[in-house]
C-alpha atoms as a PDB file:
ATOM      1  CA  MET A   1      89.071 113.078  85.868  1.00  0.00           C
ATOM      2  CA  TYR A   2      86.723 110.606  87.413  1.00  0.00           C
ATOM      3  CA  LEU A   3      82.933 110.983  86.278  1.00  0.00           C
ATOM      4  CA  HIS A   4      80.243 110.019  88.938  1.00  0.00           C
ATOM      5  CA  TYR A   5      76.566 110.981  88.278  1.00  0.00           C
ATOM      6  CA  GLY A   6      77.599 113.582  85.738  1.00  0.00           C
ATOM      7  CA  LEU A   7      79.918 115.431  88.083  1.00  0.00           C
ATOM      8  CA  LYS A   8      83.636 115.495  87.190  1.00  0.00           C
ATOM      9  CA  LEU A   9      85.683 114.341  90.472  1.00  0.00           C
ATOM     10  CA  PRO A  10      89.478 115.190  90.048  1.00  0.00           C
ATOM     11  CA  VAL A  11      91.847 112.597  91.199  1.00  0.00           C
ATOM     12  CA  VAL A  12      94.422 113.737  93.133  1.00  0.00           C
ATOM     13  CA  SER A  13      95.402 111.236  95.086  1.00  0.00           C
ATOM     14  CA  SER A  14      94.089 107.361  95.631  1.00  0.00           C
ATOM     15  CA  VAL A  15      94.881 105.017  98.095  1.00  0.00           C
ATOM     16  CA  ILE A  16      93.984 101.150  98.259  1.00  0.00           C
ATOM     17  CA  VAL A  17      93.607  98.949 101.313  1.00  0.00           C
ATOM     18  CA  GLU A  18      92.741  95.545 101.453  1.00  0.00           C
ATOM     19  CA  LYS A  19      91.042  93.310 103.991  1.00  0.00           C
ATOM     20  CA  GLU A  20      90.030  89.662 104.431  1.00  0.00           C
ATOM     21  CA  MET A  21      86.836  89.166 106.337  1.00  0.00           C
ATOM     22  CA  GLY A  22      84.800  86.265 107.911  1.00  0.00           C
ATOM     23  CA  TYR A  23      81.841  87.637 106.194  1.00  0.00           C
ATOM     24  CA  SER A  24      79.483  86.227 103.434  1.00  0.00           C
ATOM     25  CA  ARG A  25      78.630  88.876 100.922  1.00  0.00           C
ATOM     26  CA  HIS A  26      75.088  89.088 102.103  1.00  0.00           C
ATOM     27  CA  GLU A  27      76.039  89.327 105.716  1.00  0.00           C
ATOM     28  CA  PHE A  28      78.517  91.964 105.015  1.00  0.00           C
ATOM     29  CA  LEU A  29      75.987  94.355 102.883  1.00  0.00           C
ATOM     30  CA  ASN A  30      73.829  93.914 105.631  1.00  0.00           C
ATOM     31  CA  GLN A  31      76.153  95.131 108.397  1.00  0.00           C
ATOM     32  CA  PHE A  32      77.380  97.636 105.684  1.00  0.00           C
ATOM     33  CA  LYS A  33      73.787  99.323 105.537  1.00  0.00           C
ATOM     34  CA  LEU A  34      74.015  99.429 109.460  1.00  0.00           C
ATOM     35  CA  PHE A  35      77.454 101.273 109.249  1.00  0.00           C
ATOM     36  CA  ALA A  36      76.690 103.607 106.512  1.00  0.00           C
ATOM     37  CA  LEU A  37      73.709 105.551 107.388  1.00  0.00           C
ATOM     38  CA  GLN A  38      75.409 108.895 107.598  1.00  0.00           C
ATOM     39  CA  PHE A  39      76.939 108.299 104.011  1.00  0.00           C
ATOM     40  CA  ASP A  40      75.561 108.618 100.419  1.00  0.00           C
ATOM     41  CA  TYR A  41      76.569 105.486  98.741  1.00  0.00           C
ATOM     42  CA  THR A  42      75.007 102.876  96.033  1.00  0.00           C
ATOM     43  CA  ILE A  43      75.368  99.363  95.702  1.00  0.00           C
ATOM     44  CA  LYS A  44      75.991  98.140  92.056  1.00  0.00           C
ATOM     45  CA  HIS A  45      76.973  94.091  92.187  1.00  0.00           C
ATOM     46  CA  ASN A  46      79.956  93.519  93.888  1.00  0.00           C
ATOM     47  CA  THR A  47      80.713  97.356  94.343  1.00  0.00           C
ATOM     48  CA  ILE A  48      79.813  99.919  96.906  1.00  0.00           C
ATOM     49  CA  THR A  49      80.623 103.623  96.070  1.00  0.00           C
ATOM     50  CA  ILE A  50      80.562 106.496  98.492  1.00  0.00           C
ATOM     51  CA  VAL A  51      80.537 109.714  97.089  1.00  0.00           C
ATOM     52  CA  ASN A  52      81.452 113.125  99.222  1.00  0.00           C
ATOM     53  CA  THR A  53      80.533 115.790  96.420  1.00  0.00           C
ATOM     54  CA  MET A  54      81.278 118.631  98.691  1.00  0.00           C
ATOM     55  CA  GLU A  55      84.957 117.533  99.176  1.00  0.00           C
ATOM     56  CA  LYS A  56      85.232 115.629  95.568  1.00  0.00           C
ATOM     57  CA  GLN A  57      85.887 112.529  97.579  1.00  0.00           C
ATOM     58  CA  LEU A  58      85.120 109.086  96.449  1.00  0.00           C
ATOM     59  CA  ILE A  59      85.295 105.449  98.291  1.00  0.00           C
ATOM     60  CA  GLU A  60      84.939 102.462  96.110  1.00  0.00           C
ATOM     61  CA  ILE A  61      84.585  99.047  97.795  1.00  0.00           C
ATOM     62  CA  THR A  62      84.999  96.055  96.031  1.00  0.00           C
ATOM     63  CA  LEU A  63      83.995  92.624  97.434  1.00  0.00           C
ATOM     64  CA  LEU A  64      85.190  89.290  96.135  1.00  0.00           C
ATOM     65  CA  GLU A  65      83.912  86.211  97.794  1.00  0.00           C
ATOM     66  CA  LYS A  66      86.663  83.625  98.335  1.00  0.00           C
ATOM     67  CA  GLN A  67      86.610  80.136  99.264  1.00  0.00           C
ATOM     68  CA  ALA A  68      85.139  79.383 102.894  1.00  0.00           C
ATOM     69  CA  ARG A  69      87.860  78.241 105.556  1.00  0.00           C
ATOM     70  CA  GLN A  70      86.868  75.230 107.206  1.00  0.00           C
ATOM     71  CA  LEU A  71      88.278  74.457 110.797  1.00  0.00           C
ATOM     72  CA  GLY A  72      86.895  70.849 111.800  1.00  0.00           C
ATOM     73  CA  SER A  73      83.153  71.329 111.378  1.00  0.00           C
ATOM     74  CA  LEU A  74      83.257  74.984 111.612  1.00  0.00           C
ATOM     75  CA  VAL A  75      82.968  76.751 108.006  1.00  0.00           C
ATOM     76  CA  ILE A  76      83.939  80.319 107.889  1.00  0.00           C
ATOM     77  CA  PRO A  77      83.070  82.300 105.107  1.00  0.00           C
ATOM     78  CA  CYS A  78      85.790  84.192 103.461  1.00  0.00           C
ATOM     79  CA  LEU A  79      85.296  87.849 101.410  1.00  0.00           C
ATOM     80  CA  ALA A  80      88.346  90.006 100.015  1.00  0.00           C
ATOM     81  CA  VAL A  81      87.351  93.704 100.478  1.00  0.00           C
ATOM     82  CA  SER A  82      89.004  95.942  98.649  1.00  0.00           C
ATOM     83  CA  PHE A  83      88.772  99.842  99.564  1.00  0.00           C
ATOM     84  CA  SER A  84      90.039 102.480  97.002  1.00  0.00           C
ATOM     85  CA  PHE A  85      90.154 106.036  98.319  1.00  0.00           C
ATOM     86  CA  LYS A  86      90.193 108.918  96.210  1.00  0.00           C
ATOM     87  CA  ASN A  87      91.427 112.254  97.669  1.00  0.00           C
ATOM     88  CA  TYR A  88      91.187 111.222 101.221  1.00  0.00           C
ATOM     89  CA  THR A  89      93.900 112.531 103.715  1.00  0.00           C
ATOM     90  CA  ARG A  90      95.747 109.753 105.682  1.00  0.00           C
ATOM     91  CA  GLN A  91      93.750 111.036 108.740  1.00  0.00           C
ATOM     92  CA  GLN A  92      90.315 110.643 107.018  1.00  0.00           C
ATOM     93  CA  ARG A  93      91.370 107.303 105.758  1.00  0.00           C
ATOM     94  CA  LEU A  94      92.150 106.438 109.181  1.00  0.00           C
ATOM     95  CA  HIS A  95      89.022 107.776 110.617  1.00  0.00           C
ATOM     96  CA  PHE A  96      86.940 105.992 108.192  1.00  0.00           C
ATOM     97  CA  LEU A  97      88.652 102.687 108.908  1.00  0.00           C
ATOM     98  CA  GLN A  98      88.442 102.846 112.350  1.00  0.00           C
ATOM     99  CA  GLY A  99      84.829 103.277 112.392  1.00  0.00           C
ATOM    100  CA  PHE A 100      84.354 100.626 109.626  1.00  0.00           C
ATOM    101  CA  ASP A 101      86.696  98.133 111.836  1.00  0.00           C
ATOM    102  CA  LEU A 102      84.406  99.089 114.951  1.00  0.00           C
ATOM    103  CA  SER A 103      81.061  98.243 113.072  1.00  0.00           C
ATOM    104  CA  PHE A 104      82.386  95.023 111.596  1.00  0.00           C
ATOM    105  CA  GLN A 105      84.056  93.467 114.859  1.00  0.00           C
ATOM    106  CA  ARG A 106      82.211  90.306 115.990  1.00  0.00           C
ATOM    107  CA  GLY A 107      81.786  89.452 119.716  1.00  0.00           C
ATOM    108  CA  GLY A 108      83.299  86.164 121.029  1.00  0.00           C
ATOM    109  CA  GLY A 109      84.185  84.347 124.267  1.00  0.00           C
END
């Protein structure tokens, strides 16, 4: 059982997806707030929790700042992002991650 806001959410299945992103923590959180307008989420330190109480589903996103990468004079921030999906089907996970990836794409030229 997983307790969140006093609700008992049974853990049927759990899948972890990890990404390394060229964002600072501050940039990530700003973009995440735009992406997550339709979700019920909380941010506490370096953990974002998204809860769907109707479906008894949970996503925990953990952020870990890593050493920035330097390419000549260009410095790129590096953020390790871990997604823990609880009670999500494979299709639901893919749908969430496709929306996430689309929202976090950076244009270039």
